[in-house]
Amino acid sequence: MTALLLSLALAAPALAAPCGNTSAGFEAWKADMAQEAKAEGVGKAGRAALMGASYSKATISADRNQKSFKYTLQKFLSVRGADAIVSQGRSRKKKNPDLYAGLEAQYGVPAGVLLAIHGMETGFGNFMGDTNVVSAIATLTYDCRRSDFFRPHLLGALVLVDQGSISAKSVGAKHGELGHTQFLPGNALNFGQDGNGDGRIDLTNLTDALATTANYLSQKGWQPGQGYQEGEPNFAVIKQWNAATVYQQAIALMGAKIDG
C-alpha cells in the first residue's frame, strides 16, 4: 500500500489546495489536504495529525537561510567540524566493529560513509531536532516554494503515523527529517529497515537508522567494493543523499579518512 500511495503522490497533479507564502491560508489548506490524503489512502490517525499541525515559522526561516551550502569546501569542513567527525567516527568504528562490518556485508556500504553521514547529520545522534515533524513537513508542502517536492513526504509522514512508526508529537529537524541520519518521511517509509529486529522501524534507534541509511544507498545503486571519491562509481550515489556539492565532497573526504 505504501509504495502505491507514494507512487500516486509522485504522479499527482498540482495541489488542489492552494499554496501560500504566509500562515494566513494554512488552516483552510489543511482541511483540503486532509481530503486529498484520505483519497490517497491515509487513515484517521494520519489525517488527525495533519489537522493538528501548526504553521512552523521556524521551518520557513530555516528553509530560506541555508547559508552553509554556499561556503567553499574548506569553509564548509571547518564550520561542520570535519576533524571531530573523523576522530569520533574512527572511535565508533573501533568500539563497534561487528555492527559496521555486518552493515557492509548486507548492504555493501562501508563504515566510513555511514559514520560521516551520521556525524554530519546529527553529531552522532547528539541533536536529532526539536521541531514537530508533521507541522514542519505540512508547512513546507503548503509553502509555494517547493510544494511538489514535499507533498510525497507529507503523505509519507501521515502513513508513518498510521503505522505507529511516528506520532503526531514526534520531533525532528526543521524540514521534518527524522532520526540519527535525518530521513525525510517519504524516504523513511520507502527505505526504512528494522535493523535491530524488534519488529518496529524506529529511526531514533541507532541500528535501525544506520541500516536504513545503508539500504537507501544500496537501493540508489551503491556498488560494493567500488570507490566513492569524486570521479569514482559510488560518488554518484552520495550525490543522491544531498544535493549540495560541498556536502557530497565532505562525506566522501571524511568517509575515506574514517575508513583509512
C-alpha atoms as a PDB file:
ATOM      1  CA  MET A   1       0.000   0.000   0.000  1.00  0.00           C
ATOM      2  CA  THR A   2       2.743   2.447   0.905  1.00  0.00           C
ATOM      3  CA  ALA A   3       4.545   2.024  -2.403  1.00  0.00           C
ATOM      4  CA  LEU A   4       1.287   2.575  -4.270  1.00  0.00           C
ATOM      5  CA  LEU A   5       0.449   5.597  -2.148  1.00  0.00           C
ATOM      6  CA  LEU A   6       3.797   7.245  -2.788  1.00  0.00           C
ATOM      7  CA  SER A   7       3.741   6.427  -6.489  1.00  0.00           C
ATOM      8  CA  LEU A   8       0.362   8.104  -6.689  1.00  0.00           C
ATOM      9  CA  ALA A   9       1.694  11.068  -4.760  1.00  0.00           C
ATOM     10  CA  LEU A  10       4.695  11.442  -7.028  1.00  0.00           C
ATOM     11  CA  ALA A  11       2.453  11.360 -10.080  1.00  0.00           C
ATOM     12  CA  ALA A  12      -0.181  13.629  -8.578  1.00  0.00           C
ATOM     13  CA  PRO A  13      -1.077  16.898 -10.278  1.00  0.00           C
ATOM     14  CA  ALA A  14      -0.556  20.253  -8.607  1.00  0.00           C
ATOM     15  CA  LEU A  15      -2.306  20.574  -5.281  1.00  0.00           C
ATOM     16  CA  ALA A  16      -5.987  21.316  -5.434  1.00  0.00           C
ATOM     17  CA  ALA A  17      -5.475  23.143  -2.150  1.00  0.00           C
ATOM     18  CA  PRO A  18      -3.787  26.494  -2.908  1.00  0.00           C
ATOM     19  CA  CYS A  19      -0.295  27.039  -1.569  1.00  0.00           C
ATOM     20  CA  GLY A  20       0.623  30.160   0.374  1.00  0.00           C
ATOM     21  CA  ASN A  21       3.643  32.132   1.500  1.00  0.00           C
ATOM     22  CA  THR A  22       2.207  33.237   4.850  1.00  0.00           C
ATOM     23  CA  SER A  23       0.296  31.461   7.584  1.00  0.00           C
ATOM     24  CA  ALA A  24      -2.978  33.104   6.562  1.00  0.00           C
ATOM     25  CA  GLY A  25      -4.364  30.236   4.493  1.00  0.00           C
ATOM     26  CA  PHE A  26      -2.804  27.329   6.355  1.00  0.00           C
ATOM     27  CA  GLU A  27      -5.869  26.190   8.301  1.00  0.00           C
ATOM     28  CA  ALA A  28      -8.072  26.101   5.199  1.00  0.00           C
ATOM     29  CA  TRP A  29      -5.317  24.336   3.273  1.00  0.00           C
ATOM     30  CA  LYS A  30      -5.063  21.621   5.947  1.00  0.00           C
ATOM     31  CA  ALA A  31      -8.732  20.757   5.565  1.00  0.00           C
ATOM     32  CA  ASP A  32      -8.390  20.458   1.795  1.00  0.00           C
ATOM     33  CA  MET A  33      -5.144  18.496   2.108  1.00  0.00           C
ATOM     34  CA  ALA A  34      -6.746  16.101   4.588  1.00  0.00           C
ATOM     35  CA  GLN A  35      -9.380  15.237   1.996  1.00  0.00           C
ATOM     36  CA  GLU A  36      -6.690  14.652  -0.622  1.00  0.00           C
ATOM     37  CA  ALA A  37      -4.766  12.478   1.850  1.00  0.00           C
ATOM     38  CA  LYS A  38      -7.878  10.418   2.567  1.00  0.00           C
ATOM     39  CA  ALA A  39      -8.376   9.846  -1.148  1.00  0.00           C
ATOM     40  CA  GLU A  40      -4.789   8.591  -1.383  1.00  0.00           C
ATOM     41  CA  GLY A  41      -5.122   6.074   1.430  1.00  0.00           C
ATOM     42  CA  VAL A  42      -4.151   7.964   4.597  1.00  0.00           C
ATOM     43  CA  GLY A  43      -6.104   6.779   7.631  1.00  0.00           C
ATOM     44  CA  LYS A  44      -7.801   8.570  10.508  1.00  0.00           C
ATOM     45  CA  ALA A  45      -4.704   8.853  12.713  1.00  0.00           C
ATOM     46  CA  GLY A  46      -2.636  10.364   9.927  1.00  0.00           C
ATOM     47  CA  ARG A  47      -5.352  12.833   8.973  1.00  0.00           C
ATOM     48  CA  ALA A  48      -5.842  13.812  12.608  1.00  0.00           C
ATOM     49  CA  ALA A  49      -2.113  14.510  12.874  1.00  0.00           C
ATOM     50  CA  LEU A  50      -2.357  16.764   9.837  1.00  0.00           C
ATOM     51  CA  MET A  51      -5.330  18.647  11.236  1.00  0.00           C
ATOM     52  CA  GLY A  52      -3.417  19.149  14.490  1.00  0.00           C
ATOM     53  CA  ALA A  53      -0.369  20.585  12.713  1.00  0.00           C
ATOM     54  CA  SER A  54       0.712  24.183  13.228  1.00  0.00           C
ATOM     55  CA  TYR A  55       2.322  26.544  10.732  1.00  0.00           C
ATOM     56  CA  SER A  56       6.042  26.407  11.519  1.00  0.00           C
ATOM     57  CA  LYS A  57       7.716  29.798  11.189  1.00  0.00           C
ATOM     58  CA  ALA A  58      10.985  28.205  12.327  1.00  0.00           C
ATOM     59  CA  THR A  59      10.824  25.799   9.389  1.00  0.00           C
ATOM     60  CA  ILE A  60      10.210  28.592   6.888  1.00  0.00           C
ATOM     61  CA  SER A  61      13.085  30.586   8.368  1.00  0.00           C
ATOM     62  CA  ALA A  62      15.431  27.609   8.072  1.00  0.00           C
ATOM     63  CA  ASP A  63      14.304  26.906   4.522  1.00  0.00           C
ATOM     64  CA  ARG A  64      15.130  30.462   3.466  1.00  0.00           C
ATOM     65  CA  ASN A  65      18.501  30.598   5.198  1.00  0.00           C
ATOM     66  CA  GLN A  66      20.660  27.603   4.223  1.00  0.00           C
ATOM     67  CA  LYS A  67      23.892  29.576   4.099  1.00  0.00           C
ATOM     68  CA  SER A  68      26.356  26.793   4.829  1.00  0.00           C
ATOM     69  CA  PHE A  69      25.778  25.154   1.442  1.00  0.00           C
ATOM     70  CA  LYS A  70      27.143  28.336  -0.207  1.00  0.00           C
ATOM     71  CA  TYR A  71      30.534  28.004   1.508  1.00  0.00           C
ATOM     72  CA  THR A  72      33.740  26.802  -0.120  1.00  0.00           C
ATOM     73  CA  LEU A  73      34.615  23.194   0.687  1.00  0.00           C
ATOM     74  CA  GLN A  74      37.300  24.157   3.190  1.00  0.00           C
ATOM     75  CA  LYS A  75      34.997  26.616   4.952  1.00  0.00           C
ATOM     76  CA  PHE A  76      32.218  24.026   4.994  1.00  0.00           C
ATOM     77  CA  LEU A  77      34.516  21.382   6.515  1.00  0.00           C
ATOM     78  CA  SER A  78      35.627  23.841   9.171  1.00  0.00           C
ATOM     79  CA  VAL A  79      32.106  25.006  10.051  1.00  0.00           C
ATOM     80  CA  ARG A  80      30.811  21.436  10.224  1.00  0.00           C
ATOM     81  CA  GLY A  81      33.687  20.216  12.408  1.00  0.00           C
ATOM     82  CA  ALA A  82      35.071  17.658   9.986  1.00  0.00           C
ATOM     83  CA  ASP A  83      38.142  16.797  12.083  1.00  0.00           C
ATOM     84  CA  ALA A  84      35.970  15.990  15.095  1.00  0.00           C
ATOM     85  CA  ILE A  85      33.612  13.898  12.961  1.00  0.00           C
ATOM     86  CA  VAL A  86      36.547  11.889  11.589  1.00  0.00           C
ATOM     87  CA  SER A  87      38.016  11.363  15.047  1.00  0.00           C
ATOM     88  CA  GLN A  88      34.715  10.295  16.591  1.00  0.00           C
ATOM     89  CA  GLY A  89      33.877   8.202  13.548  1.00  0.00           C
ATOM     90  CA  ARG A  90      37.096   6.220  13.864  1.00  0.00           C
ATOM     91  CA  SER A  91      36.444   5.694  17.568  1.00  0.00           C
ATOM     92  CA  ARG A  92      32.900   4.492  16.962  1.00  0.00           C
ATOM     93  CA  LYS A  93      34.005   2.083  14.271  1.00  0.00           C
ATOM     94  CA  LYS A  94      36.674   0.665  16.584  1.00  0.00           C
ATOM     95  CA  LYS A  95      34.249   0.276  19.506  1.00  0.00           C
ATOM     96  CA  ASN A  96      31.543  -1.494  17.488  1.00  0.00           C
ATOM     97  CA  PRO A  97      33.260  -3.237  14.552  1.00  0.00           C
ATOM     98  CA  ASP A  98      30.679  -6.023  14.232  1.00  0.00           C
ATOM     99  CA  LEU A  99      27.826  -3.561  13.637  1.00  0.00           C
ATOM    100  CA  TYR A 100      29.595  -1.804  10.784  1.00  0.00           C
ATOM    101  CA  ALA A 101      31.014  -4.999   9.306  1.00  0.00           C
ATOM    102  CA  GLY A 102      27.531  -6.503   9.336  1.00  0.00           C
ATOM    103  CA  LEU A 103      26.037  -3.493   7.591  1.00  0.00           C
ATOM    104  CA  GLU A 104      28.720  -3.585   4.910  1.00  0.00           C
ATOM    105  CA  ALA A 105      28.226  -7.315   4.427  1.00  0.00           C
ATOM    106  CA  GLN A 106      24.471  -6.873   3.989  1.00  0.00           C
ATOM    107  CA  TYR A 107      24.299  -3.623   2.024  1.00  0.00           C
ATOM    108  CA  GLY A 108      27.786  -3.131   0.593  1.00  0.00           C
ATOM    109  CA  VAL A 109      28.264   0.331   2.106  1.00  0.00           C
ATOM    110  CA  PRO A 110      31.485   0.850   4.112  1.00  0.00           C
ATOM    111  CA  ALA A 111      31.523   2.193   7.654  1.00  0.00           C
ATOM    112  CA  GLY A 112      33.248   5.462   6.774  1.00  0.00           C
ATOM    113  CA  VAL A 113      30.371   6.685   4.626  1.00  0.00           C
ATOM    114  CA  LEU A 114      27.720   5.773   7.211  1.00  0.00           C
ATOM    115  CA  LEU A 115      29.718   7.361  10.031  1.00  0.00           C
ATOM    116  CA  ALA A 116      30.426  10.517   8.035  1.00  0.00           C
ATOM    117  CA  ILE A 117      26.712  10.896   7.316  1.00  0.00           C
ATOM    118  CA  HIS A 118      25.813  10.172  10.951  1.00  0.00           C
ATOM    119  CA  GLY A 119      28.309  12.721  12.204  1.00  0.00           C
ATOM    120  CA  MET A 120      27.320  15.346   9.680  1.00  0.00           C
ATOM    121  CA  GLU A 121      23.584  14.983  10.130  1.00  0.00           C
ATOM    122  CA  THR A 122      23.186  14.882  13.912  1.00  0.00           C
ATOM    123  CA  GLY A 123      26.627  14.874  15.522  1.00  0.00           C
ATOM    124  CA  PHE A 124      26.249  11.109  16.011  1.00  0.00           C
ATOM    125  CA  GLY A 125      22.768  11.466  17.444  1.00  0.00           C
ATOM    126  CA  ASN A 126      23.549  14.309  19.823  1.00  0.00           C
ATOM    127  CA  PHE A 127      20.871  16.512  18.272  1.00  0.00           C
ATOM    128  CA  MET A 128      18.103  14.981  16.180  1.00  0.00           C
ATOM    129  CA  GLY A 129      15.890  18.053  16.076  1.00  0.00           C
ATOM    130  CA  ASP A 130      13.342  19.988  18.088  1.00  0.00           C
ATOM    131  CA  THR A 131      10.602  20.666  15.542  1.00  0.00           C
ATOM    132  CA  ASN A 132       7.303  18.832  15.217  1.00  0.00           C
ATOM    133  CA  VAL A 133       7.699  16.572  12.186  1.00  0.00           C
ATOM    134  CA  VAL A 134       4.153  16.743  10.842  1.00  0.00           C
ATOM    135  CA  SER A 135       3.954  20.509  11.340  1.00  0.00           C
ATOM    136  CA  ALA A 136       7.282  21.031   9.577  1.00  0.00           C
ATOM    137  CA  ILE A 137       6.513  18.874   6.568  1.00  0.00           C
ATOM    138  CA  ALA A 138       2.952  20.200   6.301  1.00  0.00           C
ATOM    139  CA  THR A 139       4.260  23.773   6.346  1.00  0.00           C
ATOM    140  CA  LEU A 140       6.728  23.029   3.563  1.00  0.00           C
ATOM    141  CA  THR A 141       4.033  21.340   1.492  1.00  0.00           C
ATOM    142  CA  TYR A 142       1.751  24.339   1.953  1.00  0.00           C
ATOM    143  CA  ASP A 143       4.546  26.822   1.194  1.00  0.00           C
ATOM    144  CA  CYS A 144       4.647  27.702  -2.504  1.00  0.00           C
ATOM    145  CA  ARG A 145       8.396  27.349  -2.951  1.00  0.00           C
ATOM    146  CA  ARG A 146       8.685  23.548  -3.113  1.00  0.00           C
ATOM    147  CA  SER A 147       5.177  22.155  -2.648  1.00  0.00           C
ATOM    148  CA  ASP A 148       5.541  19.371  -5.191  1.00  0.00           C
ATOM    149  CA  PHE A 149       8.788  18.149  -3.656  1.00  0.00           C
ATOM    150  CA  PHE A 150       7.458  17.951  -0.100  1.00  0.00           C
ATOM    151  CA  ARG A 151       3.967  16.589  -0.792  1.00  0.00           C
ATOM    152  CA  PRO A 152       5.070  12.915  -1.023  1.00  0.00           C
ATOM    153  CA  HIS A 153       6.976  13.368   2.236  1.00  0.00           C
ATOM    154  CA  LEU A 154       3.891  14.778   3.939  1.00  0.00           C
ATOM    155  CA  LEU A 155       1.872  11.783   2.793  1.00  0.00           C
ATOM    156  CA  GLY A 156       4.723   9.560   3.958  1.00  0.00           C
ATOM    157  CA  ALA A 157       4.693  11.184   7.396  1.00  0.00           C
ATOM    158  CA  LEU A 158       0.952  10.672   7.699  1.00  0.00           C
ATOM    159  CA  VAL A 159       1.264   6.986   6.753  1.00  0.00           C
ATOM    160  CA  LEU A 160       4.056   6.605   9.326  1.00  0.00           C
ATOM    161  CA  VAL A 161       1.635   8.000  11.914  1.00  0.00           C
ATOM    162  CA  ASP A 162      -0.989   5.487  10.775  1.00  0.00           C
ATOM    163  CA  GLN A 163       1.571   2.688  11.141  1.00  0.00           C
ATOM    164  CA  GLY A 164       2.729   3.832  14.562  1.00  0.00           C
ATOM    165  CA  SER A 165       6.329   4.432  13.467  1.00  0.00           C
ATOM    166  CA  ILE A 166       5.991   8.074  14.500  1.00  0.00           C
ATOM    167  CA  SER A 167       3.275  10.026  16.288  1.00  0.00           C
ATOM    168  CA  ALA A 168       1.663  13.412  15.885  1.00  0.00           C
ATOM    169  CA  LYS A 169       4.090  14.608  18.572  1.00  0.00           C
ATOM    170  CA  SER A 170       7.305  13.276  17.045  1.00  0.00           C
ATOM    171  CA  VAL A 171      10.088  15.809  16.629  1.00  0.00           C
ATOM    172  CA  GLY A 172      12.823  16.070  14.043  1.00  0.00           C
ATOM    173  CA  ALA A 173      14.828  18.671  12.170  1.00  0.00           C
ATOM    174  CA  LYS A 174      13.447  21.899  10.741  1.00  0.00           C
ATOM    175  CA  HIS A 175      12.466  20.268   7.442  1.00  0.00           C
ATOM    176  CA  GLY A 176      10.804  17.312   9.149  1.00  0.00           C
ATOM    177  CA  GLU A 177      13.777  14.973   8.890  1.00  0.00           C
ATOM    178  CA  LEU A 178      13.766  12.000  11.244  1.00  0.00           C
ATOM    179  CA  GLY A 179      16.268  10.270  13.462  1.00  0.00           C
ATOM    180  CA  HIS A 180      20.022   9.744  13.590  1.00  0.00           C
ATOM    181  CA  THR A 181      20.626  10.352   9.897  1.00  0.00           C
ATOM    182  CA  GLN A 182      17.713  12.695   9.201  1.00  0.00           C
ATOM    183  CA  PHE A 183      15.455  10.930   6.726  1.00  0.00           C
ATOM    184  CA  LEU A 184      12.616  12.813   5.124  1.00  0.00           C
ATOM    185  CA  PRO A 185       9.413  10.915   5.943  1.00  0.00           C
ATOM    186  CA  GLY A 186       8.712   9.625   2.434  1.00  0.00           C
ATOM    187  CA  ASN A 187      12.191   8.120   2.298  1.00  0.00           C
ATOM    188  CA  ALA A 188      11.796   6.698   5.806  1.00  0.00           C
ATOM    189  CA  LEU A 189       8.641   4.968   4.619  1.00  0.00           C
ATOM    190  CA  ASN A 190      10.208   3.587   1.435  1.00  0.00           C
ATOM    191  CA  PHE A 191      13.651   2.607   2.716  1.00  0.00           C
ATOM    192  CA  GLY A 192      13.150   2.007   6.456  1.00  0.00           C
ATOM    193  CA  GLN A 193      14.813  -1.091   7.944  1.00  0.00           C
ATOM    194  CA  ASP A 194      14.265  -2.875  11.241  1.00  0.00           C
ATOM    195  CA  GLY A 195      17.976  -3.221  11.905  1.00  0.00           C
ATOM    196  CA  ASN A 196      17.700  -4.464  15.498  1.00  0.00           C
ATOM    197  CA  GLY A 197      14.932  -6.967  14.759  1.00  0.00           C
ATOM    198  CA  ASP A 198      12.437  -5.704  17.338  1.00  0.00           C
ATOM    199  CA  GLY A 199       9.580  -5.629  14.842  1.00  0.00           C
ATOM    200  CA  ARG A 200       9.458  -1.834  14.550  1.00  0.00           C
ATOM    201  CA  ILE A 201      11.269   0.693  12.384  1.00  0.00           C
ATOM    202  CA  ASP A 202      12.454   3.476  14.657  1.00  0.00           C
ATOM    203  CA  LEU A 203      14.943   5.926  13.188  1.00  0.00           C
ATOM    204  CA  THR A 204      15.788   7.268  16.630  1.00  0.00           C
ATOM    205  CA  ASN A 205      17.305   3.803  17.238  1.00  0.00           C
ATOM    206  CA  LEU A 206      20.918   3.766  16.035  1.00  0.00           C
ATOM    207  CA  THR A 207      20.854   0.311  14.444  1.00  0.00           C
ATOM    208  CA  ASP A 208      17.602   0.937  12.578  1.00  0.00           C
ATOM    209  CA  ALA A 209      18.861   4.303  11.391  1.00  0.00           C
ATOM    210  CA  LEU A 210      22.194   3.020  10.106  1.00  0.00           C
ATOM    211  CA  ALA A 211      20.564   0.022   8.407  1.00  0.00           C
ATOM    212  CA  THR A 212      18.050   2.362   6.769  1.00  0.00           C
ATOM    213  CA  THR A 213      20.855   4.651   5.606  1.00  0.00           C
ATOM    214  CA  ALA A 214      22.824   1.746   4.164  1.00  0.00           C
ATOM    215  CA  ASN A 215      19.698   0.385   2.493  1.00  0.00           C
ATOM    216  CA  TYR A 216      18.939   3.769   0.938  1.00  0.00           C
ATOM    217  CA  LEU A 217      22.418   3.998  -0.567  1.00  0.00           C
ATOM    218  CA  SER A 218      22.270   0.389  -1.718  1.00  0.00           C
ATOM    219  CA  GLN A 219      18.900   0.882  -3.394  1.00  0.00           C
ATOM    220  CA  LYS A 220      20.202   4.028  -5.093  1.00  0.00           C
ATOM    221  CA  GLY A 221      22.884   1.977  -6.812  1.00  0.00           C
ATOM    222  CA  TRP A 222      25.851   1.627  -4.445  1.00  0.00           C
ATOM    223  CA  GLN A 223      28.412  -0.765  -5.938  1.00  0.00           C
ATOM    224  CA  PRO A 224      30.112  -2.836  -3.214  1.00  0.00           C
ATOM    225  CA  GLY A 225      33.879  -2.605  -3.271  1.00  0.00           C
ATOM    226  CA  GLN A 226      33.968   0.378  -5.629  1.00  0.00           C
ATOM    227  CA  GLY A 227      35.341   3.794  -4.682  1.00  0.00           C
ATOM    228  CA  TYR A 228      33.267   6.751  -3.558  1.00  0.00           C
ATOM    229  CA  GLN A 229      35.512   9.742  -4.175  1.00  0.00           C
ATOM    230  CA  GLU A 230      34.756  12.242  -6.938  1.00  0.00           C
ATOM    231  CA  GLY A 231      35.122  10.501 -10.295  1.00  0.00           C
ATOM    232  CA  GLU A 232      34.572   7.043  -8.773  1.00  0.00           C
ATOM    233  CA  PRO A 233      31.391   4.985  -9.270  1.00  0.00           C
ATOM    234  CA  ASN A 234      29.785   5.482  -5.855  1.00  0.00           C
ATOM    235  CA  PHE A 235      30.177   9.241  -5.710  1.00  0.00           C
ATOM    236  CA  ALA A 236      27.062   9.412  -7.896  1.00  0.00           C
ATOM    237  CA  VAL A 237      25.165   7.661  -5.090  1.00  0.00           C
ATOM    238  CA  ILE A 238      26.419  10.115  -2.465  1.00  0.00           C
ATOM    239  CA  LYS A 239      25.007  12.848  -4.709  1.00  0.00           C
ATOM    240  CA  GLN A 240      21.568  11.354  -4.164  1.00  0.00           C
ATOM    241  CA  TRP A 241      21.880  11.740  -0.395  1.00  0.00           C
ATOM    242  CA  ASN A 242      22.242  15.527  -0.530  1.00  0.00           C
ATOM    243  CA  ALA A 243      22.077  17.929  -3.476  1.00  0.00           C
ATOM    244  CA  ALA A 244      24.766  20.316  -2.187  1.00  0.00           C
ATOM    245  CA  THR A 245      28.161  19.768  -3.836  1.00  0.00           C
ATOM    246  CA  VAL A 246      30.150  20.737  -0.732  1.00  0.00           C
ATOM    247  CA  TYR A 247      28.146  18.260   1.335  1.00  0.00           C
ATOM    248  CA  GLN A 248      28.823  15.456  -1.138  1.00  0.00           C
ATOM    249  CA  GLN A 249      32.536  16.244  -1.199  1.00  0.00           C
ATOM    250  CA  ALA A 250      32.676  16.403   2.594  1.00  0.00           C
ATOM    251  CA  ILE A 251      31.041  12.988   3.029  1.00  0.00           C
ATOM    252  CA  ALA A 252      33.474  11.416   0.576  1.00  0.00           C
ATOM    253  CA  LEU A 253      36.556  13.011   2.155  1.00  0.00           C
ATOM    254  CA  MET A 254      35.554  12.272   5.762  1.00  0.00           C
ATOM    255  CA  GLY A 255      34.461   8.747   4.900  1.00  0.00           C
ATOM    256  CA  ALA A 256      37.847   7.965   3.380  1.00  0.00           C
ATOM    257  CA  LYS A 257      39.658   9.270   6.462  1.00  0.00           C
ATOM    258  CA  ILE A 258      37.450   7.215   8.786  1.00  0.00           C
ATOM    259  CA  ASP A 259      37.950   4.081   6.687  1.00  0.00           C
ATOM    260  CA  GLY A 260      41.678   4.752   6.201  1.00  0.00           C
END
